[in-house]
PDB file of N, CA and C in Angstrom:
ATOM      1  N   UNK A   1     117.763 115.208  96.471  1.00  0.00           N
ATOM      2  CA  UNK A   1     118.109 113.756  96.963  1.00  0.00           C
ATOM      3  C   UNK A   1     117.639 114.031  98.502  1.00  0.00           C
ATOM      4  N   UNK A   2     116.703 112.353  98.975  1.00  0.00           N
ATOM      5  CA  UNK A   2     116.189 112.483  99.833  1.00  0.00           C
ATOM      6  C   UNK A   2     117.170 112.228 100.752  1.00  0.00           C
ATOM      7  N   UNK A   3     117.294 112.571 102.274  1.00  0.00           N
ATOM      8  CA  UNK A   3     118.481 112.286 102.975  1.00  0.00           C
ATOM      9  C   UNK A   3     117.755 111.000 103.800  1.00  0.00           C
ATOM     10  N   UNK A   4     118.569 110.064 104.223  1.00  0.00           N
ATOM     11  CA  UNK A   4     117.888 108.353 104.999  1.00  0.00           C
ATOM     12  C   UNK A   4     117.926 109.210 106.283  1.00  0.00           C
ATOM     13  N   UNK A   5     117.080 109.123 106.530  1.00  0.00           N
ATOM     14  CA  UNK A   5     116.400 109.715 108.086  1.00  0.00           C
ATOM     15  C   UNK A   5     116.730 108.350 108.800  1.00  0.00           C
ATOM     16  N   UNK A   6     116.886 107.984 110.208  1.00  0.00           N
ATOM     17  CA  UNK A   6     116.952 107.232 111.183  1.00  0.00           C
ATOM     18  C   UNK A   6     115.921 105.963 111.252  1.00  0.00           C
ATOM     19  N   UNK A   7     114.629 106.757 110.652  1.00  0.00           N
ATOM     20  CA  UNK A   7     113.822 105.593 110.918  1.00  0.00           C
ATOM     21  C   UNK A   7     113.444 105.175 109.433  1.00  0.00           C
ATOM     22  N   UNK A   8     113.709 105.849 108.569  1.00  0.00           N
ATOM     23  CA  UNK A   8     113.995 105.046 106.975  1.00  0.00           C
ATOM     24  C   UNK A   8     114.989 104.035 107.277  1.00  0.00           C
ATOM     25  N   UNK A   9     115.821 104.686 107.606  1.00  0.00           N
ATOM     26  CA  UNK A   9     117.027 103.488 107.842  1.00  0.00           C
ATOM     27  C   UNK A   9     116.900 102.097 108.268  1.00  0.00           C
ATOM     28  N   UNK A  10     116.039 102.083 109.439  1.00  0.00           N
ATOM     29  CA  UNK A  10     115.361 101.134 110.217  1.00  0.00           C
ATOM     30  C   UNK A  10     114.600 100.513 109.214  1.00  0.00           C
ATOM     31  N   UNK A  11     113.513 101.081 108.093  1.00  0.00           N
ATOM     32  CA  UNK A  11     112.732 100.389 107.458  1.00  0.00           C
ATOM     33  C   UNK A  11     113.459  99.813 106.609  1.00  0.00           C
ATOM     34  N   UNK A  12     114.621 100.641 105.840  1.00  0.00           N
ATOM     35  CA  UNK A  12     115.317  99.751 104.685  1.00  0.00           C
ATOM     36  C   UNK A  12     115.579  98.336 105.303  1.00  0.00           C
ATOM     37  N   UNK A  13     116.482  98.538 106.827  1.00  0.00           N
ATOM     38  CA  UNK A  13     117.364  97.392 107.388  1.00  0.00           C
ATOM     39  C   UNK A  13     116.090  96.394 107.747  1.00  0.00           C
ATOM     40  N   UNK A  14     115.003  96.570 107.900  1.00  0.00           N
ATOM     41  CA  UNK A  14     113.735  95.328 108.071  1.00  0.00           C
ATOM     42  C   UNK A  14     113.125  95.224 107.225  1.00  0.00           C
ATOM     43  N   UNK A  15     113.337  95.970 105.630  1.00  0.00           N
ATOM     44  CA  UNK A  15     112.949  94.938 104.401  1.00  0.00           C
ATOM     45  C   UNK A  15     113.829  94.276 103.784  1.00  0.00           C
ATOM     46  N   UNK A  16     115.204  94.712 104.087  1.00  0.00           N
ATOM     47  CA  UNK A  16     116.180  93.820 103.598  1.00  0.00           C
ATOM     48  C   UNK A  16     116.136  92.252 104.363  1.00  0.00           C
ATOM     49  N   UNK A  17     115.906  92.108 106.015  1.00  0.00           N
ATOM     50  CA  UNK A  17     116.065  90.992 106.432  1.00  0.00           C
ATOM     51  C   UNK A  17     114.587  90.342 106.242  1.00  0.00           C
ATOM     52  N   UNK A  18     113.553  90.856 105.670  1.00  0.00           N
ATOM     53  CA  UNK A  18     112.447  90.191 105.620  1.00  0.00           C
ATOM     54  C   UNK A  18     112.938  89.418 103.982  1.00  0.00           C
ATOM     55  N   UNK A  19     113.645  90.524 103.044  1.00  0.00           N
ATOM     56  CA  UNK A  19     113.948  89.940 101.941  1.00  0.00           C
ATOM     57  C   UNK A  19     114.892  88.431 102.161  1.00  0.00           C
ATOM     58  N   UNK A  20     115.909  88.414 102.613  1.00  0.00           N
ATOM     59  CA  UNK A  20     116.610  87.712 102.940  1.00  0.00           C
ATOM     60  C   UNK A  20     115.874  86.614 103.828  1.00  0.00           C
ATOM     61  N   UNK A  21     114.952  86.484 104.852  1.00  0.00           N
ATOM     62  CA  UNK A  21     114.507  85.328 105.489  1.00  0.00           C
ATOM     63  C   UNK A  21     113.491  85.057 104.339  1.00  0.00           C
ATOM     64  N   UNK A  22     112.356  85.676 103.544  1.00  0.00           N
ATOM     65  CA  UNK A  22     111.708  85.107 102.394  1.00  0.00           C
ATOM     66  C   UNK A  22     112.124  84.068 101.857  1.00  0.00           C
ATOM     67  N   UNK A  23     113.291  84.759 100.746  1.00  0.00           N
ATOM     68  CA  UNK A  23     113.807  83.962 100.010  1.00  0.00           C
ATOM     69  C   UNK A  23     114.487  82.791 100.414  1.00  0.00           C
ATOM     70  N   UNK A  24     115.655  82.988 101.824  1.00  0.00           N
ATOM     71  CA  UNK A  24     116.485  81.977 102.345  1.00  0.00           C
ATOM     72  C   UNK A  24     115.202  80.957 102.950  1.00  0.00           C
ATOM     73  N   UNK A  25     114.074  81.269 103.436  1.00  0.00           N
ATOM     74  CA  UNK A  25     113.292  79.772 104.195  1.00  0.00           C
ATOM     75  C   UNK A  25     112.535  79.456 102.899  1.00  0.00           C
ATOM     76  N   UNK A  26     111.973  79.754 101.933  1.00  0.00           N
ATOM     77  CA  UNK A  26     111.382  79.447 101.199  1.00  0.00           C
ATOM     78  C   UNK A  26     112.503  78.294  99.876  1.00  0.00           C
ATOM     79  N   UNK A  27     113.368  78.902  99.979  1.00  0.00           N
ATOM     80  CA  UNK A  27     114.472  78.075  98.856  1.00  0.00           C
ATOM     81  C   UNK A  27     115.484  76.991  99.401  1.00  0.00           C
ATOM     82  N   UNK A  28     115.347  77.514 101.048  1.00  0.00           N
ATOM     83  CA  UNK A  28     115.568  76.112 102.029  1.00  0.00           C
ATOM     84  C   UNK A  28     114.688  75.615 102.900  1.00  0.00           C
ATOM     85  N   UNK A  29     114.194  76.172 103.400  1.00  0.00           N
ATOM     86  CA  UNK A  29     112.871  75.202 104.645  1.00  0.00           C
ATOM     87  C   UNK A  29     111.411  74.489 103.714  1.00  0.00           C
ATOM     88  N   UNK A  30     111.070  75.489 102.552  1.00  0.00           N
ATOM     89  CA  UNK A  30     109.891  75.199 101.700  1.00  0.00           C
ATOM     90  C   UNK A  30     110.128  74.477 100.914  1.00  0.00           C
ATOM     91  N   UNK A  31     111.308  74.622 100.031  1.00  0.00           N
ATOM     92  CA  UNK A  31     111.852  73.720  98.865  1.00  0.00           C
ATOM     93  C   UNK A  31     111.963  72.118  99.702  1.00  0.00           C
ATOM     94  N   UNK A  32     112.900  71.996 100.782  1.00  0.00           N
ATOM     95  CA  UNK A  32     113.076  70.651 101.471  1.00  0.00           C
ATOM     96  C   UNK A  32     111.572  70.176 102.220  1.00  0.00           C
ATOM     97  N   UNK A  33     110.918  71.021 102.877  1.00  0.00           N
ATOM     98  CA  UNK A  33     109.879  70.338 103.205  1.00  0.00           C
ATOM     99  C   UNK A  33     108.680  69.466 102.596  1.00  0.00           C
ATOM    100  N   UNK A  34     108.325  70.291 101.300  1.00  0.00           N
ATOM    101  CA  UNK A  34     107.757  69.999 100.251  1.00  0.00           C
ATOM    102  C   UNK A  34     106.190  70.271 100.600  1.00  0.00           C
ATOM    103  N   UNK A  35     105.255  69.304 100.168  1.00  0.00           N
ATOM    104  CA  UNK A  35     103.740  69.286 100.452  1.00  0.00           C
ATOM    105  C   UNK A  35     103.328  71.141 100.869  1.00  0.00           C
ATOM    106  N   UNK A  36     102.433  71.515 101.499  1.00  0.00           N
ATOM    107  CA  UNK A  36     101.860  72.850 101.672  1.00  0.00           C
ATOM    108  C   UNK A  36     103.007  73.861 101.614  1.00  0.00           C
ATOM    109  N   UNK A  37     104.178  73.453 102.208  1.00  0.00           N
ATOM    110  CA  UNK A  37     105.229  74.507 102.184  1.00  0.00           C
ATOM    111  C   UNK A  37     105.285  74.864 100.428  1.00  0.00           C
ATOM    112  N   UNK A  38     105.177  74.169  99.375  1.00  0.00           N
ATOM    113  CA  UNK A  38     105.388  74.507  98.504  1.00  0.00           C
ATOM    114  C   UNK A  38     104.437  74.663  97.451  1.00  0.00           C
ATOM    115  N   UNK A  39     102.967  74.983  98.108  1.00  0.00           N
ATOM    116  CA  UNK A  39     101.723  75.214  97.245  1.00  0.00           C
ATOM    117  C   UNK A  39     102.021  76.474  96.910  1.00  0.00           C
ATOM    118  N   UNK A  40     101.542  76.323  95.116  1.00  0.00           N
ATOM    119  CA  UNK A  40     101.943  77.558  94.384  1.00  0.00           C
ATOM    120  C   UNK A  40     101.582  78.837  95.085  1.00  0.00           C
ATOM    121  N   UNK A  41      99.812  79.281  95.558  1.00  0.00           N
ATOM    122  CA  UNK A  41      99.983  80.239  96.272  1.00  0.00           C
ATOM    123  C   UNK A  41     100.663  80.878  97.299  1.00  0.00           C
ATOM    124  N   UNK A  42     101.125  79.432  98.525  1.00  0.00           N
ATOM    125  CA  UNK A  42     102.175  80.226  99.187  1.00  0.00           C
ATOM    126  C   UNK A  42     103.301  80.704  98.997  1.00  0.00           C
ATOM    127  N   UNK A  43     104.023  79.289  97.931  1.00  0.00           N
ATOM    128  CA  UNK A  43     105.221  79.662  97.173  1.00  0.00           C
ATOM    129  C   UNK A  43     105.296  81.147  96.336  1.00  0.00           C
ATOM    130  N   UNK A  44     104.392  81.646  95.771  1.00  0.00           N
ATOM    131  CA  UNK A  44     104.386  82.521  95.203  1.00  0.00           C
ATOM    132  C   UNK A  44     104.269  84.149  96.121  1.00  0.00           C
ATOM    133  N   UNK A  45     103.630  83.909  96.754  1.00  0.00           N
ATOM    134  CA  UNK A  45     103.231  85.082  97.520  1.00  0.00           C
ATOM    135  C   UNK A  45     104.719  85.481  98.344  1.00  0.00           C
ATOM    136  N   UNK A  46     105.164  84.014  98.858  1.00  0.00           N
ATOM    137  CA  UNK A  46     106.717  84.710  99.440  1.00  0.00           C
ATOM    138  C   UNK A  46     108.214  85.078  98.772  1.00  0.00           C
ATOM    139  N   UNK A  47     107.585  84.532  97.363  1.00  0.00           N
ATOM    140  CA  UNK A  47     108.529  85.027  96.045  1.00  0.00           C
ATOM    141  C   UNK A  47     108.471  86.607  96.037  1.00  0.00           C
ATOM    142  N   UNK A  48     107.043  86.968  96.100  1.00  0.00           N
ATOM    143  CA  UNK A  48     106.535  88.057  95.724  1.00  0.00           C
ATOM    144  C   UNK A  48     106.894  89.157  97.106  1.00  0.00           C
ATOM    145  N   UNK A  49     106.772  88.702  98.446  1.00  0.00           N
ATOM    146  CA  UNK A  49     107.030  89.468  99.245  1.00  0.00           C
ATOM    147  C   UNK A  49     108.551  89.358  99.216  1.00  0.00           C
ATOM    148  N   UNK A  50     109.150  88.673  99.110  1.00  0.00           N
ATOM    149  CA  UNK A  50     110.846  89.046  98.754  1.00  0.00           C
ATOM    150  C   UNK A  50     111.272  89.798  97.941  1.00  0.00           C
ATOM    151  N   UNK A  51     110.724  89.992  96.679  1.00  0.00           N
ATOM    152  CA  UNK A  51     110.821  90.819  95.911  1.00  0.00           C
ATOM    153  C   UNK A  51     109.943  92.343  96.096  1.00  0.00           C
ATOM    154  N   UNK A  52     109.153  92.051  97.170  1.00  0.00           N
ATOM    155  CA  UNK A  52     108.307  93.881  97.421  1.00  0.00           C
ATOM    156  C   UNK A  52     109.583  94.515  98.294  1.00  0.00           C
ATOM    157  N   UNK A  53     109.922  93.879  99.118  1.00  0.00           N
ATOM    158  CA  UNK A  53     110.507  94.078  99.982  1.00  0.00           C
ATOM    159  C   UNK A  53     112.055  94.616  99.535  1.00  0.00           C
ATOM    160  N   UNK A  54     113.038  93.947  98.403  1.00  0.00           N
ATOM    161  CA  UNK A  54     114.160  94.522  97.666  1.00  0.00           C
ATOM    162  C   UNK A  54     114.002  95.532  97.283  1.00  0.00           C
ATOM    163  N   UNK A  55     112.688  95.745  96.839  1.00  0.00           N
ATOM    164  CA  UNK A  55     112.100  96.729  95.659  1.00  0.00           C
ATOM    165  C   UNK A  55     112.145  98.275  96.746  1.00  0.00           C
ATOM    166  N   UNK A  56     111.278  98.056  98.243  1.00  0.00           N
ATOM    167  CA  UNK A  56     111.163  98.751  98.657  1.00  0.00           C
ATOM    168  C   UNK A  56     112.246  99.736  99.206  1.00  0.00           C
ATOM    169  N   UNK A  57     113.490  98.552  99.722  1.00  0.00           N
ATOM    170  CA  UNK A  57     114.688  99.073 100.331  1.00  0.00           C
ATOM    171  C   UNK A  57     115.742 100.143  99.073  1.00  0.00           C
ATOM    172  N   UNK A  58     115.484  99.274  97.983  1.00  0.00           N
ATOM    173  CA  UNK A  58     116.133  99.830  96.854  1.00  0.00           C
ATOM    174  C   UNK A  58     115.311 101.712  96.548  1.00  0.00           C
ATOM    175  N   UNK A  59     113.823 101.591  96.290  1.00  0.00           N
ATOM    176  CA  UNK A  59     113.441 103.251  96.273  1.00  0.00           C
ATOM    177  C   UNK A  59     113.576 103.957  97.326  1.00  0.00           C
ATOM    178  N   UNK A  60     114.146 103.357  98.991  1.00  0.00           N
ATOM    179  CA  UNK A  60     114.475 104.183  99.885  1.00  0.00           C
ATOM    180  C   UNK A  60     116.031 104.638  99.958  1.00  0.00           C
ATOM    181  N   UNK A  61     116.993 103.721  99.259  1.00  0.00           N
ATOM    182  CA  UNK A  61     118.193 103.682  99.022  1.00  0.00           C
ATOM    183  C   UNK A  61     118.318 104.975  97.892  1.00  0.00           C
ATOM    184  N   UNK A  62     117.364 104.824  97.135  1.00  0.00           N
ATOM    185  CA  UNK A  62     117.704 105.704  95.817  1.00  0.00           C
ATOM    186  C   UNK A  62     116.726 107.471  96.045  1.00  0.00           C
ATOM    187  N   UNK A  63     116.308 107.397  96.949  1.00  0.00           N
ATOM    188  CA  UNK A  63     115.835 108.747  97.442  1.00  0.00           C
ATOM    189  C   UNK A  63     114.328 109.162  96.681  1.00  0.00           C
ATOM    190  N   UNK A  64     113.896 108.329  96.074  1.00  0.00           N
ATOM    191  CA  UNK A  64     112.375 109.031  94.850  1.00  0.00           C
ATOM    192  C   UNK A  64     111.395 108.876  96.384  1.00  0.00           C
ATOM    193  N   UNK A  65     111.191 110.031  96.037  1.00  0.00           N
ATOM    194  CA  UNK A  65     109.593 110.209  96.729  1.00  0.00           C
ATOM    195  C   UNK A  65     108.592 109.157  96.683  1.00  0.00           C
ATOM    196  N   UNK A  66     108.854 108.109  95.568  1.00  0.00           N
ATOM    197  CA  UNK A  66     107.444 107.264  95.595  1.00  0.00           C
ATOM    198  C   UNK A  66     107.690 106.238  96.359  1.00  0.00           C
ATOM    199  N   UNK A  67     108.683 106.368  97.388  1.00  0.00           N
ATOM    200  CA  UNK A  67     108.933 104.986  98.242  1.00  0.00           C
ATOM    201  C   UNK A  67     108.023 104.719  99.287  1.00  0.00           C
ATOM    202  N   UNK A  68     107.210 105.913  99.256  1.00  0.00           N
ATOM    203  CA  UNK A  68     105.752 105.934 100.567  1.00  0.00           C
ATOM    204  C   UNK A  68     104.772 104.983  99.526  1.00  0.00           C
ATOM    205  N   UNK A  69     104.943 104.543  98.150  1.00  0.00           N
ATOM    206  CA  UNK A  69     103.569 104.198  97.965  1.00  0.00           C
ATOM    207  C   UNK A  69     103.668 102.602  97.724  1.00  0.00           C
ATOM    208  N   UNK A  70     105.153 102.319  97.405  1.00  0.00           N
ATOM    209  CA  UNK A  70     105.879 100.822  97.660  1.00  0.00           C
ATOM    210  C   UNK A  70     105.981 100.401  98.621  1.00  0.00           C
ATOM    211  N   UNK A  71     106.737 101.009  99.530  1.00  0.00           N
ATOM    212  CA  UNK A  71     106.096 100.969 101.167  1.00  0.00           C
ATOM    213  C   UNK A  71     104.509 100.375 101.639  1.00  0.00           C
ATOM    214  N   UNK A  72     103.822 101.344 100.974  1.00  0.00           N
ATOM    215  CA  UNK A  72     102.360 100.805 101.685  1.00  0.00           C
ATOM    216  C   UNK A  72     102.000  99.239 100.817  1.00  0.00           C
ATOM    217  N   UNK A  73     102.610  99.235  99.575  1.00  0.00           N
ATOM    218  CA  UNK A  73     102.028  97.997  99.124  1.00  0.00           C
ATOM    219  C   UNK A  73     103.178  96.889  99.601  1.00  0.00           C
ATOM    220  N   UNK A  74     104.223  97.145  99.832  1.00  0.00           N
ATOM    221  CA  UNK A  74     105.054  96.141 100.716  1.00  0.00           C
ATOM    222  C   UNK A  74     104.477  95.528 102.127  1.00  0.00           C
ATOM    223  N   UNK A  75     103.968  96.595 103.024  1.00  0.00           N
ATOM    224  CA  UNK A  75     102.957  96.235 104.275  1.00  0.00           C
ATOM    225  C   UNK A  75     102.164  95.030 103.743  1.00  0.00           C
ATOM    226  N   UNK A  76     101.204  95.346 102.797  1.00  0.00           N
ATOM    227  CA  UNK A  76     100.195  94.731 102.817  1.00  0.00           C
ATOM    228  C   UNK A  76     100.603  93.094 102.214  1.00  0.00           C
ATOM    229  N   UNK A  77     102.044  93.061 101.690  1.00  0.00           N
ATOM    230  CA  UNK A  77     102.365  91.740 100.955  1.00  0.00           C
ATOM    231  C   UNK A  77     102.832  91.151 102.558  1.00  0.00           C
ATOM    232  N   UNK A  78     103.549  91.944 102.899  1.00  0.00           N
ATOM    233  CA  UNK A  78     104.490  91.644 104.151  1.00  0.00           C
ATOM    234  C   UNK A  78     103.220  90.672 104.977  1.00  0.00           C
ATOM    235  N   UNK A  79     102.002  91.519 105.653  1.00  0.00           N
ATOM    236  CA  UNK A  79     100.916  91.009 106.479  1.00  0.00           C
ATOM    237  C   UNK A  79     100.700  89.836 106.009  1.00  0.00           C
ATOM    238  N   UNK A  80     100.120  89.647 104.500  1.00  0.00           N
ATOM    239  CA  UNK A  80      99.258  88.090 104.009  1.00  0.00           C
ATOM    240  C   UNK A  80     100.508  87.497 103.949  1.00  0.00           C
ATOM    241  N   UNK A  81     101.516  87.308 103.606  1.00  0.00           N
ATOM    242  CA  UNK A  81     102.696  86.578 103.749  1.00  0.00           C
ATOM    243  C   UNK A  81     102.826  85.914 105.093  1.00  0.00           C
ATOM    244  N   UNK A  82     102.830  86.470 106.594  1.00  0.00           N
ATOM    245  CA  UNK A  82     102.934  86.431 107.777  1.00  0.00           C
ATOM    246  C   UNK A  82     101.621  85.681 107.979  1.00  0.00           C
ATOM    247  N   UNK A  83     100.705  86.028 107.787  1.00  0.00           N
ATOM    248  CA  UNK A  83      99.486  84.983 107.967  1.00  0.00           C
ATOM    249  C   UNK A  83      99.977  83.551 107.147  1.00  0.00           C
ATOM    250  N   UNK A  84     100.240  83.473 105.742  1.00  0.00           N
ATOM    251  CA  UNK A  84      99.982  82.520 105.189  1.00  0.00           C
ATOM    252  C   UNK A  84     101.785  81.666 105.990  1.00  0.00           C
ATOM    253  N   UNK A  85     102.578  82.318 106.334  1.00  0.00           N
ATOM    254  CA  UNK A  85     103.860  81.246 107.217  1.00  0.00           C
ATOM    255  C   UNK A  85     103.104  81.141 108.402  1.00  0.00           C
ATOM    256  N   UNK A  86     102.639  81.555 109.212  1.00  0.00           N
ATOM    257  CA  UNK A  86     101.866  81.387 110.215  1.00  0.00           C
ATOM    258  C   UNK A  86     101.208  79.562 110.440  1.00  0.00           C
ATOM    259  N   UNK A  87     100.351  79.441 109.146  1.00  0.00           N
ATOM    260  CA  UNK A  87      99.606  78.250 108.875  1.00  0.00           C
ATOM    261  C   UNK A  87     100.843  77.292 109.094  1.00  0.00           C
ATOM    262  N   UNK A  88     102.419  77.627 108.530  1.00  0.00           N
ATOM    263  CA  UNK A  88     103.330  76.181 108.646  1.00  0.00           C
ATOM    264  C   UNK A  88     103.961  76.455 109.188  1.00  0.00           C
ATOM    265  N   UNK A  89     104.530  74.650 109.589  1.00  0.00           N
ATOM    266  CA  UNK A  89     105.149  74.406 110.488  1.00  0.00           C
ATOM    267  C   UNK A  89     107.069  74.859 110.001  1.00  0.00           C
ATOM    268  N   UNK A  90     107.830  75.278 111.253  1.00  0.00           N
ATOM    269  CA  UNK A  90     109.013  76.113 110.791  1.00  0.00           C
ATOM    270  C   UNK A  90     109.071  77.258 110.502  1.00  0.00           C
ATOM    271  N   UNK A  91     107.840  78.358 110.410  1.00  0.00           N
ATOM    272  CA  UNK A  91     107.923  79.791 109.795  1.00  0.00           C
ATOM    273  C   UNK A  91     107.827  80.434 110.520  1.00  0.00           C
ATOM    274  N   UNK A  92     108.255  80.615 111.781  1.00  0.00           N
ATOM    275  CA  UNK A  92     107.994  81.794 112.707  1.00  0.00           C
ATOM    276  C   UNK A  92     108.754  82.248 112.289  1.00  0.00           C
ATOM    277  N   UNK A  93     110.060  82.055 112.305  1.00  0.00           N
ATOM    278  CA  UNK A  93     111.486  83.287 112.102  1.00  0.00           C
ATOM    279  C   UNK A  93     110.541  84.354 110.972  1.00  0.00           C
ATOM    280  N   UNK A  94     109.816  83.400 109.434  1.00  0.00           N
ATOM    281  CA  UNK A  94     109.723  84.242 108.519  1.00  0.00           C
ATOM    282  C   UNK A  94     108.599  84.724 108.887  1.00  0.00           C
ATOM    283  N   UNK A  95     107.608  84.576 109.008  1.00  0.00           N
ATOM    284  CA  UNK A  95     106.566  85.476 109.743  1.00  0.00           C
ATOM    285  C   UNK A  95     106.740  86.552 110.536  1.00  0.00           C
ATOM    286  N   UNK A  96     108.027  86.504 111.576  1.00  0.00           N
ATOM    287  CA  UNK A  96     108.116  87.501 112.643  1.00  0.00           C
ATOM    288  C   UNK A  96     108.636  88.711 111.233  1.00  0.00           C
ATOM    289  N   UNK A  97     109.727  88.148 110.885  1.00  0.00           N
ATOM    290  CA  UNK A  97     110.489  89.372 110.003  1.00  0.00           C
ATOM    291  C   UNK A  97     109.061  89.777 108.968  1.00  0.00           C
ATOM    292  N   UNK A  98     108.199  89.442 108.542  1.00  0.00           N
ATOM    293  CA  UNK A  98     107.189  89.770 107.420  1.00  0.00           C
ATOM    294  C   UNK A  98     106.325  90.889 108.514  1.00  0.00           C
ATOM    295  N   UNK A  99     106.163  90.476 109.886  1.00  0.00           N
ATOM    296  CA  UNK A  99     105.384  91.189 110.361  1.00  0.00           C
ATOM    297  C   UNK A  99     106.010  92.893 110.762  1.00  0.00           C
ATOM    298  N   UNK A 100     107.861  92.139 111.088  1.00  0.00           N
ATOM    299  CA  UNK A 100     108.657  93.730 111.188  1.00  0.00           C
ATOM    300  C   UNK A 100     108.479  94.525 110.298  1.00  0.00           C
ATOM    301  N   UNK A 101     108.617  93.695 108.894  1.00  0.00           N
ATOM    302  CA  UNK A 101     108.801  94.576 108.211  1.00  0.00           C
ATOM    303  C   UNK A 101     107.227  95.325 107.732  1.00  0.00           C
ATOM    304  N   UNK A 102     106.117  94.649 107.672  1.00  0.00           N
ATOM    305  CA  UNK A 102     105.265  95.354 107.355  1.00  0.00           C
ATOM    306  C   UNK A 102     104.784  96.486 108.770  1.00  0.00           C
ATOM    307  N   UNK A 103     105.373  96.609 109.789  1.00  0.00           N
ATOM    308  CA  UNK A 103     105.291  97.724 110.914  1.00  0.00           C
ATOM    309  C   UNK A 103     106.056  98.472 110.383  1.00  0.00           C
ATOM    310  N   UNK A 104     107.556  98.639 109.838  1.00  0.00           N
ATOM    311  CA  UNK A 104     107.774  99.654 109.581  1.00  0.00           C
ATOM    312  C   UNK A 104     107.683 100.610 108.167  1.00  0.00           C
ATOM    313  N   UNK A 105     107.144  99.242 107.379  1.00  0.00           N
ATOM    314  CA  UNK A 105     106.570  99.823 105.787  1.00  0.00           C
ATOM    315  C   UNK A 105     104.893 101.299 106.046  1.00  0.00           C
ATOM    316  N   UNK A 106     104.384 100.420 107.095  1.00  0.00           N
ATOM    317  CA  UNK A 106     103.170 101.406 107.452  1.00  0.00           C
ATOM    318  C   UNK A 106     103.550 102.447 107.984  1.00  0.00           C
ATOM    319  N   UNK A 107     104.576 102.513 108.949  1.00  0.00           N
ATOM    320  CA  UNK A 107     105.224 103.986 109.666  1.00  0.00           C
ATOM    321  C   UNK A 107     106.341 104.590 108.271  1.00  0.00           C
ATOM    322  N   UNK A 108     106.288 104.276 107.460  1.00  0.00           N
ATOM    323  CA  UNK A 108     107.241 105.134 106.795  1.00  0.00           C
ATOM    324  C   UNK A 108     106.265 105.397 105.348  1.00  0.00           C
ATOM    325  N   UNK A 109     105.366 104.881 104.940  1.00  0.00           N
ATOM    326  CA  UNK A 109     103.970 105.201 104.047  1.00  0.00           C
ATOM    327  C   UNK A 109     102.960 106.232 104.496  1.00  0.00           C
ATOM    328  N   UNK A 110     103.030 106.514 105.544  1.00  0.00           N
ATOM    329  CA  UNK A 110     102.189 107.246 106.570  1.00  0.00           C
ATOM    330  C   UNK A 110     102.661 108.270 106.209  1.00  0.00           C
TER     331      UNK A 110
END
């Protein structure tokens, strides 16, 4: 089993924080705001981001060497989600969580 290094733990923490932010913001802020916040492309992206973040954390916690591949994809989706969130009101915290997770996942994927 792969030992969880401090760098990996920081990535796990960032992934779980992003998962919480994307899911919580989508279910609370976006659904309540309506309009562009629930546009299918944006809303699906937020759900995909939440899920890949949860999955990335899971892969690291289970110790599989495949976590690097999942982290690479997670970083890409998080970057896209951050851009989408930047275009909408009240999404600053979610965009920041996505950017932070993307940075940690890119480092983990290297």
